[in-house]
Structures are given as C-alpha cells and as structure tokens.
Amino acid sequence: MLDYNSRPKFHERIGAFIDEALARERVSQTRRRYLGASRLGVACERALQYEYAQAPVDPGRELPGRVLRVFEVGHALEELAIRWLRLAGFELYTRKADGGQFGFSAASGRIQGHVDGILAAGPGAIDLAYPALWECKTMNDRSWRETVKHGVARVKPVYAAQITVYQAYMESAVPGIVSNPALFTAINKDSEEIWFELVPFDGGLAQRMSDRAVRVIAATEAGELLPRHATTPTHFECKSCPWQDRCWRPA
C-alpha cells in the first residue's frame, strides 16, 4: 500500500524547487579569488585560510536553500534602507559612475572589500560628519536587540572589524573617511525596526585585521596551517564551521 503521508506536501515541493534553483545559481557564480575584508574579524584564522584557498566544504555542509533565501532578503532590505535614507535627505552613494561598487584592493588583489555606501551629506539637524562610511546589516530580533543594548563592537565584532578595515583602506579614495564615524545601520527582520549607530574609526583594530590578512595569505600560500581558534571540535564555532571535518581529520 502506498504511504501518501510520506510524500512531501505541496508547499514543500515548490520550496524544494526554489531551493534547488538557488543552489544551482550559487554554484554557477564565479568564486572570488581573494580574502574578503568583511571576513577578517571571524574568530578562526585557519577557517579564513580554507576560505581564501577555496577549499571544498565538508560533504553535506553546503549552504541550504533557506540560508540562501535569508541572504537575498537581506539584500532586498538593504536596498530599501538606501531608498529610505535618500528619501530622508541623505546624500548616499552606493555605486560609482561606471555602475561598480565602491571598494578597494590591496596586496596585489589578494585583499578586497566592497562597501555598502558612502554618505556625502545629510539633513542639517543630524549630527553626522561627512564623508562617512555606511554599512547596513539585517538581523533577527534577538541579535538586533542585543546590538541595540550593547553596541555593534561588543555583539558583532566581525561587523566592527569590517567597518574599521573599510574605513582604513578607503581613506586614499575618500579622504577624511577615517576622521568621521561610520554610520552603522541594522534592520530588524522581524519588526522592521531600524538601529543607527555611530562607529568611530579604530586604528588599532584596523592594523590588527590588516596584519591578520597578511598572515593568513602568507601562511596559506606557503602551505602552512595556522592554529585553530578552539581546542576541541565540539566547540560551538567548530560545530558550525563548513570545514570542521577537514580541519580535525587526522593528518
């Protein structure tokens, strides 16, 4: 007898087609051949090595369709934030004249970053100095509320590192951007509440992240593995790492 209960439900079948299409699209995209500055603040330098070397992720650890959908929703909300800020009177630039993103390249292209935007002016009643880096993130309710309570540097150190590295490397193209605090924008994906935070340039953090990038690239190209962040594969960050098995596999 056929077990009709085992057959995926109608909405699940359509969702599966969408997720499969998103996965195919992701595989077809050109992989970046550089160390992304947005990733320099992650805890584990060995994970950064695997990422820079484009090491295949462990079987079964590819990003699922649900996560790919989350990414796309984040991009859509960022576009809305751009519209809202411009509508409110901010002069926000997100693309160059040729249509490309604002960004930078260092170490012969081995380190690159693309910024969300540059603020050139805004309403006079807003106490904000220009030019200013603009960085936008979307978060679930819990992360958003923690960020509002404690600040991005404490709750999301990866984002804080990204912001200060972008400020440092963009100074030559946008003079004065390190002198003025960046405007960090966080959108609550559950309630659409918006958090705005001024993030001053942290020269010490920028230098540490730049040094880390050089260290990761040099070690990877020399075939050397940097130390792990954790001492056990059951550490929560290891458990969520796409290279957990590769990293902890006996030599």
Protein backbone atom coordinates (compact mmCIF):
# COMPACT_ATOMS: atom_id res chain seq x y z
CA MET A 1 0.00 0.00 0.00
CA LEU A 2 1.26 3.47 -0.87
CA ASP A 3 2.09 5.69 2.04
CA TYR A 4 0.67 9.02 0.91
CA ASN A 5 1.72 10.61 4.18
CA SER A 6 5.39 10.18 3.22
CA ARG A 7 5.03 12.30 0.12
CA PRO A 8 6.26 15.92 0.56
CA LYS A 9 3.45 18.39 0.94
CA PHE A 10 2.53 20.77 -1.86
CA HIS A 11 4.28 23.81 -0.37
CA GLU A 12 7.34 21.70 0.42
CA ARG A 13 7.66 20.55 -3.18
CA ILE A 14 7.55 24.11 -4.53
CA GLY A 15 10.00 25.23 -1.84
CA ALA A 16 12.36 22.41 -2.80
CA PHE A 17 12.36 23.55 -6.44
CA ILE A 18 13.19 27.10 -5.34
CA ASP A 19 15.99 25.95 -3.04
CA GLU A 20 17.48 23.72 -5.73
CA ALA A 21 17.41 26.62 -8.20
CA LEU A 22 19.14 28.91 -5.69
CA ALA A 23 21.79 26.25 -5.04
CA ARG A 24 22.44 25.85 -8.77
CA GLU A 25 22.72 29.60 -9.17
CA ARG A 26 25.23 29.81 -6.33
CA VAL A 27 27.38 27.04 -7.80
CA SER A 28 27.41 28.77 -11.19
CA GLN A 29 28.66 32.06 -9.74
CA THR A 30 32.32 32.94 -10.11
CA ARG A 31 34.13 32.36 -6.85
CA ARG A 32 36.15 35.23 -5.51
CA ARG A 33 39.89 34.67 -5.55
CA TYR A 34 40.79 36.97 -2.71
CA LEU A 35 40.41 37.35 1.02
CA GLY A 36 37.29 39.37 1.70
CA ALA A 37 37.85 42.20 4.15
CA SER A 38 34.35 41.62 5.53
CA ARG A 39 35.54 38.28 6.89
CA LEU A 40 38.71 39.35 8.67
CA GLY A 41 37.05 39.56 12.07
CA VAL A 42 35.99 35.91 12.27
CA ALA A 43 37.42 34.06 15.24
CA CYS A 44 39.44 31.34 13.50
CA GLU A 45 42.37 32.17 11.23
CA ARG A 46 42.50 28.60 9.92
CA ALA A 47 38.90 28.94 8.73
CA LEU A 48 39.99 32.09 6.91
CA GLN A 49 42.73 30.06 5.27
CA TYR A 50 40.26 27.49 3.99
CA GLU A 51 38.06 30.29 2.73
CA TYR A 52 40.92 32.08 0.98
CA ALA A 53 42.14 28.82 -0.59
CA GLN A 54 38.58 27.96 -1.69
CA ALA A 55 38.82 24.58 0.00
CA PRO A 56 35.74 22.44 -0.70
CA VAL A 57 33.38 22.41 2.25
CA ASP A 58 32.67 19.15 4.05
CA PRO A 59 30.02 16.92 2.41
CA GLY A 60 26.56 17.95 3.49
CA ARG A 61 27.69 21.37 4.75
CA GLU A 62 26.76 23.38 1.69
CA LEU A 63 24.56 26.37 2.45
CA PRO A 64 20.92 25.21 2.42
CA GLY A 65 18.29 26.97 0.38
CA ARG A 66 16.74 28.54 3.46
CA VAL A 67 20.00 30.35 4.24
CA LEU A 68 20.36 31.48 0.63
CA ARG A 69 16.86 32.93 0.88
CA VAL A 70 17.83 34.73 4.07
CA PHE A 71 20.78 36.29 2.21
CA GLU A 72 18.52 37.52 -0.57
CA VAL A 73 16.03 39.01 1.86
CA GLY A 74 18.95 40.87 3.47
CA HIS A 75 19.96 42.32 0.11
CA ALA A 76 16.39 43.43 -0.55
CA LEU A 77 16.13 45.14 2.84
CA GLU A 78 19.44 46.90 2.22
CA GLU A 79 18.02 48.36 -0.98
CA LEU A 80 15.03 49.60 0.99
CA ALA A 81 17.32 51.20 3.58
CA ILE A 82 19.11 53.05 0.78
CA ARG A 83 15.79 54.35 -0.51
CA TRP A 84 14.65 55.40 2.96
CA LEU A 85 17.86 57.30 3.73
CA ARG A 86 17.80 59.13 0.41
CA LEU A 87 14.14 59.94 0.86
CA ALA A 88 15.01 61.39 4.28
CA GLY A 89 17.53 63.76 2.72
CA PHE A 90 20.83 61.89 2.95
CA GLU A 91 23.22 62.05 0.01
CA LEU A 92 24.18 58.39 -0.14
CA TYR A 93 26.33 56.94 -2.90
CA THR A 94 26.34 53.18 -3.42
CA ARG A 95 27.66 52.92 -6.97
CA LYS A 96 30.41 54.60 -8.96
CA ALA A 97 29.78 56.32 -12.28
CA ASP A 98 30.53 53.08 -14.13
CA GLY A 99 27.99 51.17 -12.03
CA GLY A 100 30.52 49.29 -9.93
CA GLN A 101 30.57 49.20 -6.14
CA PHE A 102 32.86 51.40 -4.11
CA GLY A 103 35.67 49.33 -2.74
CA PHE A 104 39.38 48.69 -2.55
CA SER A 105 42.05 46.20 -3.48
CA ALA A 106 45.33 45.60 -1.68
CA ALA A 107 48.22 43.11 -1.64
CA SER A 108 48.11 42.71 -5.43
CA GLY A 109 44.41 41.96 -5.30
CA ARG A 110 44.66 39.35 -2.56
CA ILE A 111 42.64 41.52 -0.16
CA GLN A 112 39.50 43.21 -1.39
CA GLY A 113 36.38 44.79 0.00
CA HIS A 114 33.22 46.39 -1.32
CA VAL A 115 31.43 48.93 0.86
CA ASP A 116 27.68 49.37 1.12
CA GLY A 117 27.89 53.10 0.62
CA ILE A 118 29.43 56.50 1.24
CA LEU A 119 27.48 59.32 2.86
CA ALA A 120 28.41 62.73 1.44
CA ALA A 121 25.78 64.91 3.10
CA GLY A 122 22.57 64.80 5.08
CA PRO A 123 19.94 66.78 6.97
CA GLY A 124 21.47 69.64 8.91
CA ALA A 125 19.68 68.60 12.10
CA ILE A 126 21.55 65.27 12.14
CA ASP A 127 24.88 65.39 13.97
CA LEU A 128 26.91 63.48 11.43
CA ALA A 129 30.24 64.46 9.82
CA TYR A 130 30.94 63.73 6.16
CA PRO A 131 32.20 61.83 4.31
CA ALA A 132 31.14 58.81 6.30
CA LEU A 133 31.18 55.10 5.59
CA TRP A 134 27.75 53.48 5.57
CA GLU A 135 27.35 49.83 6.49
CA CYS A 136 23.99 48.04 6.61
CA LYS A 137 23.11 44.68 8.15
CA THR A 138 19.88 42.79 8.76
CA MET A 139 19.35 40.76 11.93
CA ASN A 140 16.78 38.61 13.65
CA ASP A 141 15.01 40.12 16.63
CA ARG A 142 17.33 38.68 19.29
CA SER A 143 20.56 39.82 17.62
CA TRP A 144 19.08 43.20 16.82
CA ARG A 145 18.03 43.86 20.41
CA GLU A 146 21.41 42.77 21.77
CA THR A 147 23.12 45.11 19.31
CA VAL A 148 20.89 48.00 20.34
CA LYS A 149 21.63 47.30 24.00
CA HIS A 150 25.39 46.69 23.86
CA GLY A 151 26.60 48.13 20.55
CA VAL A 152 27.93 46.53 17.39
CA ALA A 153 31.56 46.25 18.58
CA ARG A 154 30.58 44.03 21.51
CA VAL A 155 27.79 41.98 19.97
CA LYS A 156 29.03 41.71 16.37
CA PRO A 157 32.84 42.07 16.41
CA VAL A 158 33.06 40.75 12.85
CA TYR A 159 30.97 43.70 11.68
CA ALA A 160 33.01 46.15 13.74
CA ALA A 161 36.23 44.81 12.19
CA GLN A 162 34.71 45.07 8.72
CA ILE A 163 33.73 48.70 9.27
CA THR A 164 37.11 49.85 10.53
CA VAL A 165 39.03 47.96 7.83
CA TYR A 166 36.83 49.55 5.18
CA GLN A 167 37.47 52.99 6.67
CA ALA A 168 41.23 52.40 6.70
CA TYR A 169 41.50 51.14 3.14
CA MET A 170 39.05 53.67 1.69
CA GLU A 171 40.88 56.71 3.09
CA SER A 172 43.02 57.13 -0.02
CA ALA A 173 39.97 57.16 -2.29
CA VAL A 174 37.72 59.13 0.08
CA PRO A 175 39.93 61.49 2.11
CA GLY A 176 38.58 62.13 5.58
CA ILE A 177 36.58 58.95 5.92
CA VAL A 178 38.73 57.74 8.84
CA SER A 179 38.25 61.06 10.64
CA ASN A 180 34.47 60.70 10.79
CA PRO A 181 32.47 57.94 12.48
CA ALA A 182 30.83 55.40 10.19
CA LEU A 183 27.05 55.10 10.22
CA PHE A 184 26.09 51.52 11.04
CA THR A 185 22.52 50.58 10.19
CA ALA A 186 20.82 47.43 11.47
CA ILE A 187 17.34 46.39 10.34
CA ASN A 188 15.25 44.05 12.48
CA LYS A 189 13.92 41.47 10.01
CA ASP A 190 11.07 40.57 12.35
CA SER A 191 9.74 44.03 13.18
CA GLU A 192 11.42 46.31 10.57
CA GLU A 193 12.77 48.49 13.39
CA ILE A 194 15.95 50.32 12.46
CA TRP A 195 19.02 50.95 14.62
CA PHE A 196 21.57 53.61 13.72
CA GLU A 197 24.93 53.70 15.46
CA LEU A 198 27.99 55.90 15.00
CA VAL A 199 31.17 53.81 14.89
CA PRO A 200 34.44 55.78 15.28
CA PHE A 201 37.49 54.61 13.42
CA ASP A 202 39.57 52.15 15.47
CA GLY A 203 43.12 52.36 14.13
CA GLY A 204 44.43 49.62 16.40
CA LEU A 205 41.75 47.17 15.28
CA ALA A 206 42.31 48.09 11.64
CA GLN A 207 46.03 47.37 11.97
CA ARG A 208 45.40 44.03 13.70
CA MET A 209 43.00 42.97 10.98
CA SER A 210 45.38 44.06 8.24
CA ASP A 211 48.20 42.11 9.90
CA ARG A 212 45.88 39.11 10.18
CA ALA A 213 45.10 39.27 6.46
CA VAL A 214 48.79 39.28 5.59
CA ARG A 215 49.42 36.39 7.99
CA VAL A 216 46.58 34.30 6.56
CA ILE A 217 47.63 34.88 2.97
CA ALA A 218 51.33 34.23 3.61
CA ALA A 219 50.70 31.02 5.56
CA THR A 220 48.21 29.72 3.00
CA GLU A 221 50.48 30.36 0.05
CA ALA A 222 53.36 28.72 1.95
CA GLY A 223 51.25 25.62 2.62
CA GLU A 224 51.25 26.16 6.38
CA LEU A 225 48.19 25.79 8.59
CA LEU A 226 47.64 28.42 11.24
CA PRO A 227 46.42 27.39 14.72
CA ARG A 228 42.75 26.68 15.26
CA HIS A 229 40.67 29.06 17.32
CA ALA A 230 39.39 26.20 19.52
CA THR A 231 40.96 23.18 21.19
CA THR A 232 38.11 20.75 20.55
CA PRO A 233 35.92 20.00 17.51
CA THR A 234 32.85 20.27 19.74
CA HIS A 235 33.41 24.00 20.28
CA PHE A 236 30.29 25.82 19.07
CA GLU A 237 32.17 27.70 16.37
CA CYS A 238 33.78 24.50 15.10
CA LYS A 239 30.42 22.74 15.00
CA SER A 240 29.07 25.38 12.66
CA CYS A 241 32.22 25.59 10.51
CA PRO A 242 31.86 24.22 6.96
CA TRP A 243 35.40 22.79 7.20
CA GLN A 244 35.07 21.11 10.60
CA ASP A 245 35.80 17.58 9.35
CA ARG A 246 38.68 18.68 7.13
CA CYS A 247 40.23 20.68 9.96
CA TRP A 248 40.04 17.97 12.62
CA ARG A 249 40.75 14.99 10.38
CA PRO A 250 43.89 13.08 11.44
CA ALA A 251 46.90 14.17 9.41
